[in-house]
Protein backbone atom coordinates (compact mmCIF):
# COMPACT_ATOMS: atom_id res chain seq x y z
CA MET A 1 63.06 96.00 56.42
CA ASN A 2 61.82 97.57 53.20
CA GLN A 3 61.24 95.97 49.85
CA ILE A 4 61.87 97.31 46.36
CA GLN A 5 60.10 95.37 43.63
CA ILE A 6 60.73 95.97 39.92
CA ILE A 7 57.87 94.93 37.62
CA ASP A 8 56.89 95.36 33.99
CA TYR A 9 54.83 98.40 33.02
CA ARG A 10 51.09 97.97 32.57
CA GLN A 11 48.60 100.42 31.07
CA GLU A 12 47.30 101.43 34.49
CA HIS A 13 50.80 102.73 35.31
CA GLN A 14 50.65 105.51 32.67
CA PRO A 15 49.51 108.22 35.15
CA TYR A 16 52.48 107.42 37.42
CA PHE A 17 54.90 107.33 34.49
CA GLU A 18 53.68 110.77 33.42
CA LYS A 19 53.44 112.31 36.90
CA PHE A 20 56.89 111.25 38.15
CA ASN A 21 58.61 112.50 35.00
CA ARG A 22 56.69 115.78 34.77
CA VAL A 23 57.95 116.72 38.23
CA TRP A 24 61.66 116.69 37.45
CA ILE A 25 61.31 118.01 33.89
CA GLU A 26 59.19 121.00 34.92
CA GLU A 27 61.32 121.60 38.01
CA LEU A 28 64.57 121.91 36.07
CA PHE A 29 63.57 122.54 32.44
CA GLU A 30 60.55 122.96 30.19
CA MET A 31 58.42 120.24 28.69
CA GLU A 32 59.30 119.63 25.04
CA PRO A 33 56.87 118.23 22.44
CA VAL A 34 58.72 114.92 22.49
CA ASP A 35 58.23 114.76 26.28
CA GLU A 36 54.48 115.31 25.95
CA TRP A 37 54.27 112.57 23.33
CA VAL A 38 56.26 110.00 25.29
CA LEU A 39 54.62 110.68 28.67
CA THR A 40 51.06 110.55 27.35
CA ASN A 41 51.64 107.71 24.87
CA PRO A 42 54.30 105.41 26.39
CA ASP A 43 52.87 102.34 24.66
CA LYS A 44 53.25 103.84 21.19
CA ALA A 45 56.43 105.80 21.94
CA ILE A 46 58.42 103.09 23.74
CA LEU A 47 56.75 99.68 23.86
CA GLU A 48 55.40 99.17 20.36
CA PRO A 49 58.73 100.01 18.63
CA GLY A 50 60.38 97.28 20.70
CA GLY A 51 61.33 98.97 23.96
CA LYS A 52 60.46 98.32 27.57
CA ILE A 53 59.23 100.22 30.62
CA LEU A 54 59.84 99.15 34.20
CA MET A 55 58.04 100.28 37.35
CA ALA A 56 59.39 100.29 40.90
CA LEU A 57 57.20 99.45 43.88
CA TYR A 58 58.29 100.34 47.40
CA ASP A 59 56.44 98.27 49.99
CA GLY A 60 53.79 97.76 47.31
CA VAL A 61 53.41 101.46 46.41
CA VAL A 62 54.30 102.68 42.90
CA ALA A 63 57.45 104.74 43.48
CA GLY A 64 59.47 105.06 40.28
CA THR A 65 59.89 104.20 36.62
CA VAL A 66 62.36 103.97 33.75
CA GLY A 67 62.11 103.30 30.03
CA LEU A 68 64.29 101.64 27.40
CA ARG A 69 63.65 103.12 23.96
CA LYS A 70 64.86 101.06 21.01
CA VAL A 71 67.31 103.01 18.85
CA ASP A 72 68.31 100.07 16.66
CA ASP A 73 68.75 96.32 17.04
CA THR A 74 71.71 96.65 19.40
CA VAL A 75 71.33 100.10 21.01
CA TYR A 76 68.69 101.19 23.51
CA GLU A 77 68.18 104.57 25.13
CA PHE A 78 67.81 104.67 28.91
CA THR A 79 65.08 107.29 29.24
CA LYS A 80 62.45 108.83 31.51
CA MET A 81 63.89 107.57 34.76
CA ALA A 82 62.06 109.15 37.70
CA VAL A 83 61.44 108.40 41.37
CA ASP A 84 58.56 109.95 43.31
CA ILE A 85 59.94 112.62 45.63
CA GLN A 86 58.75 110.87 48.81
CA PHE A 87 60.69 107.72 47.88
CA ARG A 88 64.04 109.25 46.90
CA ARG A 89 67.33 108.21 48.53
CA LYS A 90 66.07 104.69 49.20
CA GLY A 91 68.05 102.88 46.49
CA ILE A 92 65.16 102.84 44.01
CA ALA A 93 67.00 104.62 41.18
CA GLU A 94 69.91 102.19 41.45
CA ALA A 95 67.55 99.18 41.51
CA LEU A 96 65.73 100.49 38.42
CA THR A 97 69.02 101.01 36.60
CA TYR A 98 70.33 97.52 37.32
CA ALA A 99 66.98 96.01 36.33
CA SER A 100 67.09 98.00 33.08
CA PHE A 101 70.56 96.59 32.32
CA ASP A 102 69.19 93.08 32.74
CA ALA A 103 66.21 93.92 30.50
CA ALA A 104 68.44 95.54 27.86
CA LYS A 105 70.62 92.45 27.62
CA LYS A 106 67.52 90.26 27.20
CA LEU A 107 66.37 92.57 24.39
CA GLY A 108 69.70 92.01 22.62
CA ALA A 109 71.33 95.35 23.43
CA SER A 110 75.08 95.64 23.17
CA LYS A 111 74.98 99.27 24.31
CA VAL A 112 72.73 101.52 26.36
CA ILE A 113 72.87 105.31 25.93
CA LEU A 114 71.28 108.20 27.80
CA TYR A 115 70.94 111.97 27.57
CA SER A 116 70.98 114.29 30.57
CA ASN A 117 71.98 117.77 31.67
CA THR A 118 74.56 119.12 34.10
CA LYS A 119 71.70 120.83 35.99
CA ASN A 120 70.62 117.37 37.05
CA ALA A 121 73.91 116.75 38.81
CA GLY A 122 72.58 114.04 41.12
CA ALA A 123 71.41 111.92 38.20
CA VAL A 124 74.69 112.37 36.31
CA LYS A 125 76.62 111.32 39.41
CA LEU A 126 74.46 108.20 39.74
CA TYR A 127 75.04 107.27 36.10
CA GLU A 128 78.80 107.66 36.54
CA LYS A 129 78.62 105.48 39.65
CA LEU A 130 76.82 102.76 37.72
CA GLY A 131 79.41 102.63 34.94
CA PHE A 132 78.14 105.01 32.26
CA ARG A 133 80.91 106.97 30.52
CA HIS A 134 80.67 110.39 28.91
CA VAL A 135 80.68 110.67 25.10
CA PRO A 136 80.13 113.65 22.75
CA VAL A 137 76.50 114.78 22.62
CA GLU A 138 74.63 115.51 19.40
CA ASN A 139 72.81 118.84 19.00
CA ASP A 140 69.51 117.67 17.56
CA VAL A 141 68.15 115.10 20.03
CA TYR A 142 66.82 117.05 23.03
CA LYS A 143 67.05 120.81 23.48
CA ARG A 144 68.00 120.44 27.14
CA ALA A 145 70.62 117.70 26.66
CA ASN A 146 74.22 118.77 27.19
CA VAL A 147 75.35 115.36 28.45
CA LYS A 148 75.43 112.03 26.65
CA MET A 149 76.62 108.83 28.27
CA GLU A 150 76.79 105.19 27.30
CA ILE A 151 77.61 101.79 28.73
CA ASP A 152 78.42 98.55 26.92
CA MET A 153 76.23 95.60 27.83
CA LEU A 154 79.15 93.23 28.17
CA PRO A 155 78.11 89.63 28.81
CA VAL A 156 78.98 88.29 32.25
CA ILE A 157 79.10 84.53 32.87
CA ARG A 158 79.91 82.26 35.76
CA ALA A 159 83.31 80.83 35.02
CA ASP A 160 84.22 77.15 35.14
CA LEU A 161 87.34 75.03 34.72
CA SER A 162 87.51 75.79 31.00
CA HIS A 163 88.23 79.44 31.87
CA THR A 164 91.22 78.75 34.12
CA ALA A 165 93.81 80.08 31.66
CA ALA A 166 91.81 83.24 30.94
CA ILE A 167 91.41 84.04 34.66
CA ALA A 168 95.12 83.50 35.25
CA SER A 169 96.10 85.75 32.36
CA ILE A 170 93.77 88.57 33.44
CA GLY A 171 94.82 88.27 37.07
CA LYS A 172 98.54 88.40 36.39
CA LYS A 173 98.38 91.31 33.97
CA SER A 174 95.94 93.39 36.02
CA PHE A 175 97.67 92.83 39.37
CA ARG A 176 101.05 93.67 37.90
CA HIS A 177 99.71 96.84 36.28
CA ALA A 178 98.17 98.01 39.57
CA PHE A 179 100.78 96.99 42.14
CA GLU A 180 104.18 96.36 40.55
CA ASN A 181 105.48 99.72 41.79
CA LEU A 182 104.74 98.75 45.42
CA PHE A 183 107.01 95.70 45.47
CA GLU A 184 110.51 96.12 46.80
CA SER A 185 111.52 92.91 45.06
CA LYS A 186 110.43 91.98 41.53
CA GLU A 187 111.27 88.38 42.41
CA THR A 188 108.69 88.49 45.22
CA LEU A 189 106.07 89.83 42.80
CA PHE A 190 106.85 87.12 40.25
CA GLU A 191 106.70 84.36 42.87
CA TYR A 192 103.38 85.68 44.21
CA LEU A 193 101.76 85.75 40.77
CA GLU A 194 103.04 82.31 39.82
CA TYR A 195 101.78 80.87 43.10
CA THR A 196 98.40 82.64 43.09
CA TYR A 197 97.62 81.79 39.47
CA ASP A 198 99.19 78.35 39.27
CA PRO A 199 96.82 76.37 36.99
CA LEU A 200 96.36 73.49 39.41
CA LYS A 201 95.81 75.77 42.41
CA LEU A 202 93.37 77.95 40.45
CA ALA A 203 91.44 74.94 39.15
CA LYS A 204 91.10 73.63 42.72
CA SER A 205 89.75 77.03 43.78
CA ILE A 206 87.19 77.09 40.94
CA ARG A 207 85.95 73.63 41.98
CA LYS A 208 85.25 74.69 45.57
CA VAL A 209 81.54 74.91 46.35
CA ASN A 210 82.06 78.05 48.41
CA ASN A 211 83.68 79.95 45.52
CA LEU A 212 82.11 81.73 42.57
CA TYR A 213 84.07 83.10 39.60
CA PHE A 214 82.64 85.53 37.05
CA LEU A 215 84.05 86.55 33.66
CA VAL A 216 83.08 89.64 31.70
CA TRP A 217 83.54 89.52 27.92
CA HIS A 218 84.09 92.11 25.21
CA ASP A 219 84.29 91.46 21.45
CA GLY A 220 84.35 87.72 22.04
CA HIS A 221 87.13 87.51 24.62
CA PRO A 222 87.30 87.82 28.44
CA VAL A 223 88.51 91.17 29.79
CA GLY A 224 87.86 90.90 33.52
CA PHE A 225 86.99 88.51 36.32
CA ALA A 226 85.76 88.48 39.90
CA LYS A 227 86.04 85.88 42.63
CA VAL A 228 83.49 85.64 45.43
CA LYS A 229 83.53 83.52 48.57
CA LYS A 230 79.88 82.84 49.35
CA LEU A 231 80.45 82.62 53.10
CA SER A 232 83.50 84.34 54.54
CA PHE A 233 83.63 86.14 57.87
CA ASN A 234 85.55 89.30 58.69
CA PRO A 235 86.16 90.27 62.35
CA HIS A 236 85.36 93.92 61.60
CA LEU A 237 81.71 92.93 61.02
CA ALA A 238 79.23 91.60 63.57
CA SER A 239 76.66 90.26 61.10
CA ASP A 240 75.76 86.57 60.86
CA VAL A 241 76.03 86.03 57.09
CA GLN A 242 78.89 87.60 55.16
CA MET A 243 80.06 87.29 51.56
CA GLU A 244 83.58 88.22 50.49
CA LEU A 245 84.44 89.86 47.18
CA GLN A 246 87.96 88.48 47.18
CA LYS A 247 89.17 89.56 43.74
CA ILE A 248 87.95 91.80 40.96
CA TYR A 249 90.25 92.68 38.05
CA VAL A 250 89.69 94.26 34.66
CA LEU A 251 92.44 94.46 32.03
CA PRO A 252 93.91 98.00 31.98
CA GLU A 253 92.81 98.71 28.42
CA TYR A 254 89.16 97.90 29.30
CA GLN A 255 88.90 99.92 32.49
CA GLY A 256 86.31 102.66 32.11
CA THR A 257 84.11 100.59 29.79
CA GLY A 258 81.67 99.57 32.52
CA ALA A 259 83.13 96.06 32.80
CA GLY A 260 83.80 96.47 36.52
CA SER A 261 80.29 97.77 37.19
CA LEU A 262 78.76 94.78 35.40
CA LEU A 263 80.86 92.41 37.51
CA ILE A 264 79.54 94.17 40.62
CA LEU A 265 76.01 93.74 39.25
CA ALA A 266 76.62 90.01 38.77
CA ILE A 267 77.93 89.75 42.33
CA LYS A 268 74.87 91.52 43.72
CA GLU A 269 72.66 89.20 41.71
CA ALA A 270 74.52 86.21 43.18
CA ALA A 271 74.01 87.70 46.63
CA ARG A 272 70.25 87.30 46.15
CA GLU A 273 70.76 83.53 46.37
CA ILE A 274 72.78 83.73 49.59
CA SER A 275 71.23 86.80 51.23
CA PRO A 276 74.29 88.07 53.10
CA ASP A 277 74.00 90.88 55.62
CA HIS A 278 77.23 92.31 54.19
CA ILE A 279 79.55 91.93 51.22
CA TRP A 280 83.08 92.82 52.21
CA LEU A 281 86.43 93.20 50.49
CA ASP A 282 89.90 94.58 51.05
CA THR A 283 91.90 96.91 48.85
CA HIS A 284 95.35 98.44 49.16
CA VAL A 285 95.35 101.80 50.94
CA SER A 286 97.15 103.45 48.00
CA ASN A 287 94.72 102.20 45.34
CA ASP A 288 92.66 105.41 45.17
CA LYS A 289 91.01 104.46 41.87
CA ALA A 290 89.69 101.18 43.28
CA ILE A 291 88.58 102.83 46.52
CA ARG A 292 86.54 105.41 44.61
CA PHE A 293 85.03 102.64 42.47
CA TYR A 294 83.94 100.65 45.52
CA GLU A 295 82.57 103.75 47.26
CA ARG A 296 80.50 104.58 44.17
CA ASN A 297 79.04 101.09 44.47
CA GLY A 298 78.04 101.54 48.11
CA PHE A 299 81.05 100.09 49.97
CA ARG A 300 82.37 101.95 53.03
CA LYS A 301 85.66 101.66 54.92
CA ILE A 302 85.25 99.75 58.18
CA GLY A 303 88.82 98.91 59.20
CA ARG A 304 92.35 98.04 58.15
CA HIS A 305 94.62 95.02 58.15
CA GLN A 306 98.03 93.93 56.91
CA PHE A 307 98.86 91.21 54.42
CA LEU A 308 102.26 89.57 54.09
CA ILE A 309 103.67 88.77 50.64
CA GLY A 310 107.09 87.21 50.98
CA THR A 311 108.70 89.33 53.70
CA GLN A 312 106.93 92.56 52.71
CA ARG A 313 103.87 93.84 54.56
CA PHE A 314 101.05 95.58 52.69
CA ASP A 315 98.35 97.75 54.28
CA TYR A 316 94.74 97.25 53.21
CA HIS A 317 91.41 98.95 53.86
CA VAL A 318 88.53 96.63 54.72
CA MET A 319 85.35 97.86 53.02
CA ALA A 320 81.79 96.57 53.34
CA LEU A 321 78.40 96.94 51.70
CA ALA A 322 75.41 96.47 54.01
CA MET A 323 72.77 94.53 52.14
CA THR A 324 70.17 92.09 53.44
CA GLY A 325 68.47 89.83 50.91
CA ALA A 326 65.16 88.02 51.02
CA ARG A 327 65.33 84.83 53.05
CA ASP A 328 61.91 83.37 52.39
CA GLY A 329 63.25 80.95 49.79
CA ARG A 330 61.14 82.37 46.97
CA SER A 331 62.84 82.85 43.60
CA PRO A 332 61.81 85.98 41.64
CA SER A 333 60.04 85.44 38.32
CA SER A 334 61.65 86.52 35.05
CA ASN A 335 59.57 89.72 35.12
CA GLU A 336 60.38 90.61 38.69
CA LEU A 337 63.46 91.76 40.55
CA VAL A 338 63.18 91.78 44.30
CA LEU A 339 65.76 93.48 46.46
CA GLN A 340 65.34 93.47 50.22
CA TYR A 341 67.81 95.46 52.22
CA GLN A 342 68.27 97.67 55.23
CA ALA A 343 68.08 101.38 54.42
CA VAL A 344 71.71 102.45 54.43
CA GLY A 345 71.54 105.53 52.22
CA GLN A 346 72.53 103.70 49.03
């Protein structure tokens, strides 16, 4: 069992901040004057203008870092993310990124941007996995930058009974958009949606102690939701504590905005309270887009099963994310994000 701990930057961390970043910059590119300034003066370059720097500890050893540079009151730049070479491929970069999202939202960010380069293909792939989308890059920011990406810091809340109608509307529209072509009978599809999202049935589900519902918002209205069963066992898994991601839907017009990734983040945060060995889900075998999304977020196929809707059988992949949370009962402080997990190559 290994532990990743995300803490706030302190002045004694400056040598690590500089060292980790010099390695990848000098390995792939050349140091620019702006790099020298930021790495040697992180307090003045990032913190004093209103930004934030986070440090990652791995079993108590300083292992990585990332900065959030304030661009304006609502936009922050995700910058100078680096993991010491001996600690790579242990989930540290992902943990730093998720912690930076949480910090950005607390700072009031509505959007986080970053600049990168296609030479750093591994980093670009990670950013895509975590929900960043490509946008046109300016020519006068960094000489080496030929990639610009951004992600909206959409607010995610735990839904309650007042959100029943919104969940039903999102669920019906999203499910129909994704699966209508698979149904042999439109009547069967209609009956399934009316039954699944019946207001009374949905309200009863929201009230259940074992269920959690999340809503993600954009421009003041909900655009996606997720449903989690805190404890739900799947026969394909042998672990003692399992959480089920039963539903996750984003309205078609908001797919690609990062809304789905932020719902996944909220689910992983909720998992810290329950500490499951696995989070599992099922998805239709033909839903390639969803399968790729789940795989980017660490889920792997572990089996298959069939589900009956009306008289029609549907084939589903069962997918699972191995993830063991802290079980010592301690709640992390506001300046600390603790993730305990088995090393599974995330």
